[in-house]
N, C-alpha and C. Protein backbone atom coordinates (compact mmCIF):
# COMPACT_ATOMS: atom_id res chain seq x y z
N UNK A 1 -34.30 -16.08 49.84
CA UNK A 1 -35.02 -17.33 49.92
C UNK A 1 -34.63 -18.13 51.17
N UNK A 2 -33.82 -17.51 52.00
CA UNK A 2 -33.40 -18.19 53.22
C UNK A 2 -34.62 -18.68 53.99
N UNK A 3 -34.54 -19.93 54.44
CA UNK A 3 -35.58 -20.58 55.25
C UNK A 3 -36.91 -20.76 54.52
N UNK A 4 -36.89 -20.67 53.21
CA UNK A 4 -38.11 -20.89 52.40
C UNK A 4 -38.06 -22.31 51.82
N UNK A 5 -39.19 -22.83 51.36
CA UNK A 5 -39.19 -24.12 50.66
C UNK A 5 -38.60 -23.95 49.26
N UNK A 6 -37.42 -24.52 49.06
CA UNK A 6 -36.64 -24.33 47.83
C UNK A 6 -36.64 -25.62 47.01
N UNK A 7 -36.60 -25.45 45.71
CA UNK A 7 -36.46 -26.59 44.79
C UNK A 7 -35.26 -26.36 43.89
N UNK A 8 -34.63 -27.45 43.50
CA UNK A 8 -33.61 -27.41 42.46
C UNK A 8 -34.08 -28.37 41.38
N UNK A 9 -34.16 -27.87 40.15
CA UNK A 9 -34.63 -28.66 39.03
C UNK A 9 -33.47 -29.39 38.37
N UNK A 10 -33.56 -30.70 38.29
CA UNK A 10 -32.51 -31.52 37.69
C UNK A 10 -32.53 -31.46 36.18
N UNK A 11 -31.77 -30.54 35.62
CA UNK A 11 -31.71 -30.41 34.17
C UNK A 11 -30.39 -30.89 33.59
N UNK A 12 -29.38 -31.07 34.44
CA UNK A 12 -28.06 -31.52 34.01
C UNK A 12 -27.30 -32.05 35.22
N UNK A 13 -26.18 -32.73 35.02
CA UNK A 13 -25.46 -33.33 36.15
C UNK A 13 -25.01 -32.34 37.23
N UNK A 14 -24.75 -31.08 36.88
CA UNK A 14 -24.31 -30.12 37.90
C UNK A 14 -25.46 -29.61 38.75
N UNK A 15 -26.68 -30.05 38.44
CA UNK A 15 -27.83 -29.68 39.27
C UNK A 15 -27.73 -30.31 40.65
N UNK A 16 -27.15 -31.49 40.74
CA UNK A 16 -27.06 -32.19 42.02
C UNK A 16 -26.11 -31.45 42.98
N UNK A 17 -24.88 -31.10 42.58
CA UNK A 17 -24.04 -30.31 43.48
C UNK A 17 -24.69 -28.98 43.85
N UNK A 18 -25.49 -28.44 42.94
CA UNK A 18 -26.18 -27.18 43.22
C UNK A 18 -27.21 -27.38 44.34
N UNK A 19 -27.92 -28.50 44.30
CA UNK A 19 -28.88 -28.81 45.37
C UNK A 19 -28.16 -28.95 46.71
N UNK A 20 -26.99 -29.57 46.69
CA UNK A 20 -26.20 -29.69 47.93
C UNK A 20 -25.79 -28.31 48.45
N UNK A 21 -25.50 -27.42 47.53
CA UNK A 21 -25.07 -26.06 47.89
C UNK A 21 -26.22 -25.24 48.48
N UNK A 22 -27.37 -25.22 47.81
CA UNK A 22 -28.46 -24.36 48.28
C UNK A 22 -29.07 -24.87 49.58
N UNK A 23 -28.75 -26.08 49.96
CA UNK A 23 -29.23 -26.63 51.22
C UNK A 23 -28.78 -25.76 52.40
N UNK A 24 -27.69 -25.04 52.25
CA UNK A 24 -27.22 -24.18 53.34
C UNK A 24 -28.14 -22.98 53.58
N UNK A 25 -29.06 -22.72 52.66
CA UNK A 25 -29.97 -21.58 52.80
C UNK A 25 -31.30 -21.96 53.43
N UNK A 26 -31.63 -23.25 53.38
CA UNK A 26 -32.93 -23.67 53.88
C UNK A 26 -32.88 -25.12 54.35
N UNK A 27 -33.69 -25.44 55.34
CA UNK A 27 -33.83 -26.82 55.79
C UNK A 27 -34.83 -27.58 54.93
N UNK A 28 -35.48 -26.88 54.00
CA UNK A 28 -36.54 -27.48 53.17
C UNK A 28 -36.16 -27.35 51.70
N UNK A 29 -35.31 -28.29 51.25
CA UNK A 29 -34.86 -28.29 49.86
C UNK A 29 -35.26 -29.61 49.22
N UNK A 30 -35.86 -29.51 48.05
CA UNK A 30 -36.22 -30.69 47.26
C UNK A 30 -35.46 -30.64 45.95
N UNK A 31 -34.84 -31.77 45.60
CA UNK A 31 -34.22 -31.92 44.30
C UNK A 31 -35.22 -32.66 43.41
N UNK A 32 -35.75 -31.96 42.40
CA UNK A 32 -36.64 -32.59 41.44
C UNK A 32 -35.76 -33.19 40.35
N UNK A 33 -35.67 -34.52 40.33
CA UNK A 33 -34.75 -35.20 39.42
C UNK A 33 -35.06 -34.87 37.95
N UNK A 34 -36.31 -34.69 37.60
CA UNK A 34 -36.74 -34.29 36.26
C UNK A 34 -36.08 -35.17 35.19
N UNK A 35 -34.98 -34.74 34.59
CA UNK A 35 -34.32 -35.52 33.53
C UNK A 35 -32.96 -36.06 33.97
N UNK A 36 -32.66 -35.94 35.26
CA UNK A 36 -31.37 -36.39 35.79
C UNK A 36 -31.61 -37.63 36.66
N UNK A 37 -30.81 -38.67 36.43
CA UNK A 37 -30.88 -39.86 37.28
C UNK A 37 -29.68 -39.85 38.20
N UNK A 38 -29.89 -39.48 39.47
CA UNK A 38 -28.75 -39.47 40.40
C UNK A 38 -28.19 -40.87 40.59
N UNK A 39 -26.87 -40.95 40.71
CA UNK A 39 -26.21 -42.22 41.00
C UNK A 39 -26.46 -42.55 42.48
N UNK A 40 -26.10 -43.76 42.86
CA UNK A 40 -26.25 -44.16 44.26
C UNK A 40 -25.42 -43.25 45.16
N UNK A 41 -24.23 -42.88 44.71
CA UNK A 41 -23.37 -41.99 45.49
C UNK A 41 -24.01 -40.61 45.63
N UNK A 42 -24.57 -40.10 44.54
CA UNK A 42 -25.22 -38.79 44.60
C UNK A 42 -26.45 -38.82 45.50
N UNK A 43 -27.22 -39.90 45.43
CA UNK A 43 -28.37 -40.04 46.32
C UNK A 43 -27.94 -40.05 47.78
N UNK A 44 -26.82 -40.72 48.06
CA UNK A 44 -26.30 -40.75 49.44
C UNK A 44 -25.88 -39.35 49.88
N UNK A 45 -25.24 -38.59 48.99
CA UNK A 45 -24.85 -37.22 49.33
C UNK A 45 -26.07 -36.35 49.61
N UNK A 46 -27.08 -36.48 48.78
CA UNK A 46 -28.30 -35.70 48.98
C UNK A 46 -28.96 -36.08 50.31
N UNK A 47 -28.94 -37.36 50.63
CA UNK A 47 -29.52 -37.81 51.90
C UNK A 47 -28.74 -37.25 53.09
N UNK A 48 -27.42 -37.27 53.01
CA UNK A 48 -26.59 -36.73 54.09
C UNK A 48 -26.89 -35.25 54.32
N UNK A 49 -27.13 -34.51 53.23
CA UNK A 49 -27.44 -33.08 53.34
C UNK A 49 -28.92 -32.83 53.63
N UNK A 50 -29.70 -33.90 53.76
CA UNK A 50 -31.14 -33.81 54.03
C UNK A 50 -31.88 -33.05 52.93
N UNK A 51 -31.50 -33.37 51.69
CA UNK A 51 -32.19 -32.84 50.52
C UNK A 51 -33.11 -33.96 50.02
N UNK A 52 -34.40 -33.70 50.03
CA UNK A 52 -35.36 -34.68 49.56
C UNK A 52 -35.26 -34.80 48.05
N UNK A 53 -35.41 -36.02 47.52
CA UNK A 53 -35.38 -36.25 46.08
C UNK A 53 -36.77 -36.66 45.62
N UNK A 54 -37.27 -35.97 44.61
CA UNK A 54 -38.56 -36.28 44.02
C UNK A 54 -38.31 -36.66 42.56
N UNK A 55 -38.74 -37.87 42.20
CA UNK A 55 -38.57 -38.31 40.81
C UNK A 55 -39.82 -37.96 40.01
N UNK A 56 -39.68 -37.98 38.72
CA UNK A 56 -40.78 -37.65 37.83
C UNK A 56 -40.48 -36.36 37.09
N UNK A 57 -41.15 -36.21 35.97
CA UNK A 57 -40.92 -35.05 35.12
C UNK A 57 -41.75 -33.86 35.59
N UNK A 58 -41.07 -32.72 35.71
CA UNK A 58 -41.75 -31.48 36.05
C UNK A 58 -42.42 -30.95 34.79
N UNK A 59 -43.71 -30.62 34.90
CA UNK A 59 -44.44 -30.14 33.73
C UNK A 59 -44.83 -28.67 33.84
N UNK A 60 -44.82 -28.16 35.08
CA UNK A 60 -45.28 -26.77 35.22
C UNK A 60 -44.84 -26.20 36.56
N UNK A 61 -44.54 -24.92 36.53
CA UNK A 61 -44.36 -24.16 37.76
C UNK A 61 -45.66 -23.43 38.01
N UNK A 62 -46.22 -23.61 39.18
CA UNK A 62 -47.50 -23.00 39.51
C UNK A 62 -47.23 -21.61 40.08
N UNK A 63 -47.79 -20.60 39.42
CA UNK A 63 -47.59 -19.22 39.84
C UNK A 63 -48.96 -18.63 40.16
N UNK A 64 -49.05 -18.05 41.34
CA UNK A 64 -50.29 -17.41 41.78
C UNK A 64 -49.94 -16.01 42.26
N UNK A 65 -50.67 -15.01 41.75
CA UNK A 65 -50.44 -13.60 42.12
C UNK A 65 -48.97 -13.22 41.93
N UNK A 66 -48.41 -13.62 40.77
CA UNK A 66 -47.02 -13.33 40.42
C UNK A 66 -46.00 -13.93 41.38
N UNK A 67 -46.38 -14.95 42.11
CA UNK A 67 -45.46 -15.63 43.04
C UNK A 67 -45.48 -17.13 42.74
N UNK A 68 -44.30 -17.73 42.73
CA UNK A 68 -44.25 -19.18 42.60
C UNK A 68 -44.88 -19.79 43.84
N UNK A 69 -45.78 -20.76 43.62
CA UNK A 69 -46.40 -21.40 44.78
C UNK A 69 -46.16 -22.90 44.81
N UNK A 70 -45.87 -23.51 43.64
CA UNK A 70 -45.69 -24.97 43.64
C UNK A 70 -45.04 -25.43 42.35
N UNK A 71 -44.63 -26.70 42.37
CA UNK A 71 -44.08 -27.38 41.21
C UNK A 71 -45.03 -28.55 40.90
N UNK A 72 -45.46 -28.63 39.65
CA UNK A 72 -46.37 -29.71 39.25
C UNK A 72 -45.61 -30.75 38.43
N UNK A 73 -45.86 -32.01 38.76
CA UNK A 73 -45.22 -33.13 38.06
C UNK A 73 -46.20 -33.77 37.09
N UNK A 74 -45.67 -34.53 36.15
CA UNK A 74 -46.50 -35.16 35.12
C UNK A 74 -47.52 -36.14 35.68
N UNK A 75 -47.26 -36.69 36.87
CA UNK A 75 -48.22 -37.62 37.47
C UNK A 75 -49.31 -36.90 38.26
N UNK A 76 -49.30 -35.56 38.21
CA UNK A 76 -50.34 -34.78 38.88
C UNK A 76 -49.98 -34.26 40.26
N UNK A 77 -48.88 -34.73 40.81
CA UNK A 77 -48.48 -34.21 42.12
C UNK A 77 -48.17 -32.72 42.00
N UNK A 78 -48.58 -31.97 43.00
CA UNK A 78 -48.29 -30.54 43.08
C UNK A 78 -47.61 -30.32 44.44
N UNK A 79 -46.36 -29.90 44.39
CA UNK A 79 -45.57 -29.79 45.61
C UNK A 79 -45.25 -28.32 45.86
N UNK A 80 -45.69 -27.79 46.99
CA UNK A 80 -45.45 -26.37 47.30
C UNK A 80 -43.96 -26.02 47.36
N UNK A 81 -43.60 -24.92 46.70
CA UNK A 81 -42.24 -24.37 46.70
C UNK A 81 -42.35 -22.87 46.49
N UNK A 82 -41.43 -22.12 47.04
CA UNK A 82 -41.43 -20.66 46.81
C UNK A 82 -40.28 -20.21 45.91
N UNK A 83 -39.37 -21.13 45.61
CA UNK A 83 -38.26 -20.81 44.70
C UNK A 83 -37.80 -22.08 44.01
N UNK A 84 -37.42 -21.94 42.74
CA UNK A 84 -36.86 -23.05 41.98
C UNK A 84 -35.56 -22.57 41.35
N UNK A 85 -34.48 -23.30 41.62
CA UNK A 85 -33.18 -22.99 41.03
C UNK A 85 -32.94 -23.94 39.86
N UNK A 86 -32.44 -23.38 38.77
CA UNK A 86 -32.04 -24.15 37.61
C UNK A 86 -30.58 -23.82 37.36
N UNK A 87 -29.73 -24.81 37.45
CA UNK A 87 -28.29 -24.59 37.29
C UNK A 87 -27.92 -24.65 35.81
N UNK A 88 -27.47 -23.53 35.26
CA UNK A 88 -27.08 -23.54 33.85
C UNK A 88 -25.74 -24.25 33.66
N UNK A 89 -25.50 -24.66 32.45
CA UNK A 89 -24.23 -25.27 32.08
C UNK A 89 -23.49 -24.29 31.20
N UNK A 90 -22.24 -24.05 31.52
CA UNK A 90 -21.42 -23.16 30.72
C UNK A 90 -20.66 -24.01 29.70
N UNK A 91 -20.99 -23.83 28.44
CA UNK A 91 -20.31 -24.55 27.37
C UNK A 91 -19.46 -23.57 26.58
N UNK A 92 -18.14 -23.72 26.66
CA UNK A 92 -17.27 -22.77 25.94
C UNK A 92 -17.40 -22.95 24.43
N UNK A 93 -17.21 -21.86 23.74
CA UNK A 93 -17.24 -21.91 22.28
C UNK A 93 -15.84 -21.71 21.71
N UNK A 94 -14.85 -22.20 22.46
CA UNK A 94 -13.46 -22.08 22.03
C UNK A 94 -13.17 -22.96 20.82
N UNK A 95 -14.00 -23.98 20.61
CA UNK A 95 -13.73 -24.93 19.54
C UNK A 95 -13.81 -24.31 18.15
N UNK A 96 -14.35 -23.14 18.03
CA UNK A 96 -14.40 -22.49 16.72
C UNK A 96 -13.22 -21.56 16.53
N UNK A 97 -13.34 -20.37 17.07
CA UNK A 97 -12.34 -19.34 16.85
C UNK A 97 -10.98 -19.71 17.45
N UNK A 98 -10.96 -20.02 18.73
CA UNK A 98 -9.66 -20.24 19.39
C UNK A 98 -8.93 -21.47 18.86
N UNK A 99 -9.62 -22.58 18.70
CA UNK A 99 -8.93 -23.76 18.17
C UNK A 99 -8.58 -23.55 16.70
N UNK A 100 -9.39 -22.77 16.01
CA UNK A 100 -9.07 -22.43 14.63
C UNK A 100 -7.78 -21.64 14.51
N UNK A 101 -7.46 -20.90 15.57
CA UNK A 101 -6.21 -20.14 15.61
C UNK A 101 -5.05 -20.98 16.17
N UNK A 102 -5.34 -22.23 16.53
CA UNK A 102 -4.30 -23.13 17.03
C UNK A 102 -4.13 -23.10 18.54
N UNK A 103 -5.04 -22.48 19.26
CA UNK A 103 -4.93 -22.40 20.72
C UNK A 103 -5.30 -23.73 21.35
N UNK A 104 -4.55 -24.10 22.37
CA UNK A 104 -4.85 -25.32 23.11
C UNK A 104 -6.05 -25.10 24.02
N UNK A 105 -6.87 -26.14 24.16
CA UNK A 105 -8.00 -26.13 25.09
C UNK A 105 -7.90 -27.37 25.95
N UNK A 106 -8.53 -27.31 27.13
CA UNK A 106 -8.52 -28.47 28.02
C UNK A 106 -9.58 -29.48 27.58
N UNK A 107 -9.71 -30.56 28.32
CA UNK A 107 -10.65 -31.62 27.95
C UNK A 107 -12.10 -31.14 27.88
N UNK A 108 -12.43 -30.11 28.65
CA UNK A 108 -13.80 -29.58 28.66
C UNK A 108 -14.01 -28.53 27.57
N UNK A 109 -12.93 -28.14 26.87
CA UNK A 109 -13.05 -27.17 25.79
C UNK A 109 -12.71 -25.75 26.18
N UNK A 110 -12.21 -25.54 27.42
CA UNK A 110 -11.85 -24.19 27.87
C UNK A 110 -10.42 -23.88 27.45
N UNK A 111 -10.19 -22.63 27.04
CA UNK A 111 -8.87 -22.20 26.58
C UNK A 111 -7.85 -22.32 27.71
N UNK A 112 -6.68 -22.81 27.38
CA UNK A 112 -5.58 -22.90 28.33
C UNK A 112 -4.76 -21.63 28.19
N UNK A 113 -4.63 -20.89 29.29
CA UNK A 113 -3.92 -19.61 29.27
C UNK A 113 -2.97 -19.51 30.45
N UNK A 114 -2.02 -18.55 30.34
CA UNK A 114 -1.16 -18.26 31.48
C UNK A 114 -1.84 -17.18 32.34
N UNK A 115 -1.14 -16.67 33.33
CA UNK A 115 -1.73 -15.70 34.27
C UNK A 115 -2.19 -14.41 33.59
N UNK A 116 -1.59 -14.09 32.43
CA UNK A 116 -1.98 -12.87 31.73
C UNK A 116 -3.08 -13.10 30.71
N UNK A 117 -3.47 -14.36 30.52
CA UNK A 117 -4.48 -14.68 29.52
C UNK A 117 -3.91 -15.12 28.19
N UNK A 118 -2.57 -15.18 28.08
CA UNK A 118 -1.93 -15.59 26.82
C UNK A 118 -2.23 -17.06 26.56
N UNK A 119 -2.67 -17.35 25.35
CA UNK A 119 -2.93 -18.74 24.95
C UNK A 119 -1.64 -19.36 24.44
N UNK A 120 -1.74 -20.57 23.95
CA UNK A 120 -0.57 -21.25 23.40
C UNK A 120 -0.20 -20.72 22.02
N UNK A 121 -1.02 -19.85 21.46
CA UNK A 121 -0.74 -19.24 20.16
C UNK A 121 -0.25 -17.81 20.37
N UNK A 122 0.91 -17.51 19.81
CA UNK A 122 1.48 -16.16 19.96
C UNK A 122 0.50 -15.12 19.45
N UNK A 123 0.33 -14.04 20.24
CA UNK A 123 -0.53 -12.94 19.84
C UNK A 123 -2.01 -13.15 20.11
N UNK A 124 -2.36 -14.24 20.79
CA UNK A 124 -3.77 -14.51 21.09
C UNK A 124 -3.94 -14.66 22.60
N UNK A 125 -4.83 -13.85 23.15
CA UNK A 125 -5.16 -13.90 24.58
C UNK A 125 -6.64 -14.26 24.71
N UNK A 126 -6.99 -14.82 25.84
CA UNK A 126 -8.39 -15.15 26.11
C UNK A 126 -8.67 -14.82 27.57
N UNK A 127 -9.92 -14.46 27.84
CA UNK A 127 -10.32 -14.14 29.21
C UNK A 127 -11.80 -14.46 29.38
N UNK A 128 -12.21 -14.55 30.61
CA UNK A 128 -13.62 -14.75 30.92
C UNK A 128 -13.99 -16.21 30.97
N UNK A 129 -15.26 -16.49 30.74
CA UNK A 129 -15.72 -17.86 30.93
C UNK A 129 -15.40 -18.78 29.75
N UNK A 130 -14.64 -18.31 28.78
CA UNK A 130 -14.08 -19.22 27.78
C UNK A 130 -12.80 -19.85 28.34
N UNK A 131 -12.32 -19.28 29.46
CA UNK A 131 -11.12 -19.77 30.14
C UNK A 131 -11.49 -20.61 31.37
N UNK A 132 -12.51 -20.18 32.08
CA UNK A 132 -12.89 -20.85 33.33
C UNK A 132 -14.41 -20.73 33.49
N UNK A 133 -15.12 -21.84 33.63
CA UNK A 133 -16.58 -21.78 33.72
C UNK A 133 -17.09 -21.06 34.96
N UNK A 134 -16.23 -20.89 35.96
CA UNK A 134 -16.67 -20.21 37.19
C UNK A 134 -16.61 -18.70 37.07
N UNK A 135 -15.99 -18.19 36.02
CA UNK A 135 -15.84 -16.74 35.89
C UNK A 135 -17.19 -16.08 35.62
N UNK A 136 -17.49 -15.12 36.48
CA UNK A 136 -18.68 -14.31 36.30
C UNK A 136 -18.21 -12.95 35.77
N UNK A 137 -19.10 -11.99 35.71
CA UNK A 137 -18.78 -10.71 35.08
C UNK A 137 -17.55 -10.07 35.71
N UNK A 138 -17.50 -9.99 37.02
CA UNK A 138 -16.39 -9.28 37.67
C UNK A 138 -15.06 -10.00 37.47
N UNK A 139 -15.06 -11.32 37.54
CA UNK A 139 -13.81 -12.06 37.33
C UNK A 139 -13.40 -12.01 35.87
N UNK A 140 -14.37 -12.04 34.99
CA UNK A 140 -14.07 -11.93 33.56
C UNK A 140 -13.48 -10.57 33.24
N UNK A 141 -14.04 -9.52 33.87
CA UNK A 141 -13.50 -8.17 33.66
C UNK A 141 -12.06 -8.09 34.14
N UNK A 142 -11.77 -8.70 35.28
CA UNK A 142 -10.40 -8.72 35.79
C UNK A 142 -9.46 -9.45 34.85
N UNK A 143 -9.91 -10.60 34.34
CA UNK A 143 -9.10 -11.34 33.37
C UNK A 143 -8.90 -10.55 32.09
N UNK A 144 -9.93 -9.85 31.66
CA UNK A 144 -9.83 -9.01 30.46
C UNK A 144 -8.86 -7.87 30.67
N UNK A 145 -8.87 -7.29 31.87
CA UNK A 145 -7.94 -6.21 32.19
C UNK A 145 -6.50 -6.72 32.18
N UNK A 146 -6.28 -7.88 32.79
CA UNK A 146 -4.92 -8.47 32.80
C UNK A 146 -4.46 -8.75 31.38
N UNK A 147 -5.36 -9.28 30.54
CA UNK A 147 -5.02 -9.56 29.15
C UNK A 147 -4.71 -8.26 28.40
N UNK A 148 -5.50 -7.21 28.64
CA UNK A 148 -5.27 -5.92 27.97
C UNK A 148 -3.90 -5.36 28.33
N UNK A 149 -3.52 -5.45 29.59
CA UNK A 149 -2.20 -4.97 30.02
C UNK A 149 -1.10 -5.76 29.32
N UNK A 150 -1.28 -7.10 29.26
CA UNK A 150 -0.27 -7.95 28.61
C UNK A 150 -0.21 -7.70 27.11
N UNK A 151 -1.36 -7.48 26.50
CA UNK A 151 -1.40 -7.20 25.05
C UNK A 151 -0.69 -5.88 24.77
N UNK A 152 -0.97 -4.86 25.57
CA UNK A 152 -0.30 -3.57 25.37
C UNK A 152 1.21 -3.70 25.54
N UNK A 153 1.64 -4.43 26.57
CA UNK A 153 3.07 -4.63 26.78
C UNK A 153 3.70 -5.38 25.60
N UNK A 154 2.98 -6.34 25.06
CA UNK A 154 3.47 -7.10 23.92
C UNK A 154 3.59 -6.21 22.68
N UNK A 155 2.61 -5.34 22.48
CA UNK A 155 2.67 -4.41 21.34
C UNK A 155 3.83 -3.43 21.48
N UNK A 156 4.06 -2.95 22.69
CA UNK A 156 5.18 -2.04 22.93
C UNK A 156 6.50 -2.77 22.67
N UNK A 157 6.62 -4.01 23.17
CA UNK A 157 7.84 -4.80 22.94
C UNK A 157 8.07 -5.00 21.45
N UNK A 158 7.03 -5.35 20.70
CA UNK A 158 7.15 -5.54 19.26
C UNK A 158 7.57 -4.24 18.56
N UNK A 159 7.02 -3.11 19.00
CA UNK A 159 7.36 -1.82 18.42
C UNK A 159 8.84 -1.50 18.65
N UNK A 160 9.30 -1.75 19.87
CA UNK A 160 10.72 -1.49 20.19
C UNK A 160 11.61 -2.39 19.34
N UNK A 161 11.27 -3.67 19.24
CA UNK A 161 12.08 -4.60 18.44
C UNK A 161 12.11 -4.19 16.97
N UNK A 162 10.95 -3.82 16.42
CA UNK A 162 10.86 -3.43 15.02
C UNK A 162 11.69 -2.17 14.76
N UNK A 163 11.57 -1.17 15.64
CA UNK A 163 12.28 0.09 15.44
C UNK A 163 13.79 -0.07 15.65
N UNK A 164 14.18 -1.00 16.50
CA UNK A 164 15.61 -1.19 16.72
C UNK A 164 16.27 -1.85 15.51
N UNK A 165 15.50 -2.49 14.65
CA UNK A 165 16.03 -3.11 13.44
C UNK A 165 16.12 -2.13 12.28
N UNK A 166 15.51 -0.95 12.41
CA UNK A 166 15.51 0.02 11.32
C UNK A 166 16.82 0.72 11.18
């Protein structure tokens, strides 16, 4: 989408930093506020990055010949775009299983772990985006591998301790 007319749809507060980010791919980026009201500071940041802000609710993405051609707003405006980015929000589900096991979580609800993935509860490890919202598949796999190594070492240690008591 480099150098194409890009849009970022304001569906949550992290949509604004996303618009600032995708600006590096194109000189023609519009942030459709949709359901997000940027603060004065955020508007200033968008202006500095030369990201245009369009207010109003988006009602439709106009697709012609299987290609996005525009974004339509509730007031009837149709603004040409060739790509629309929607920034998802990662909401951890640690509040059920992990907190039920007594594991500590941070203010955002992500599990607090050491470098091996060990939580604050003995015998419980966590990895992936329940630990860090930035973790994608490859980083999650790496965290899972580190946790697996630590779990195996812990099981071996427990086995040695148990057998030495026999």
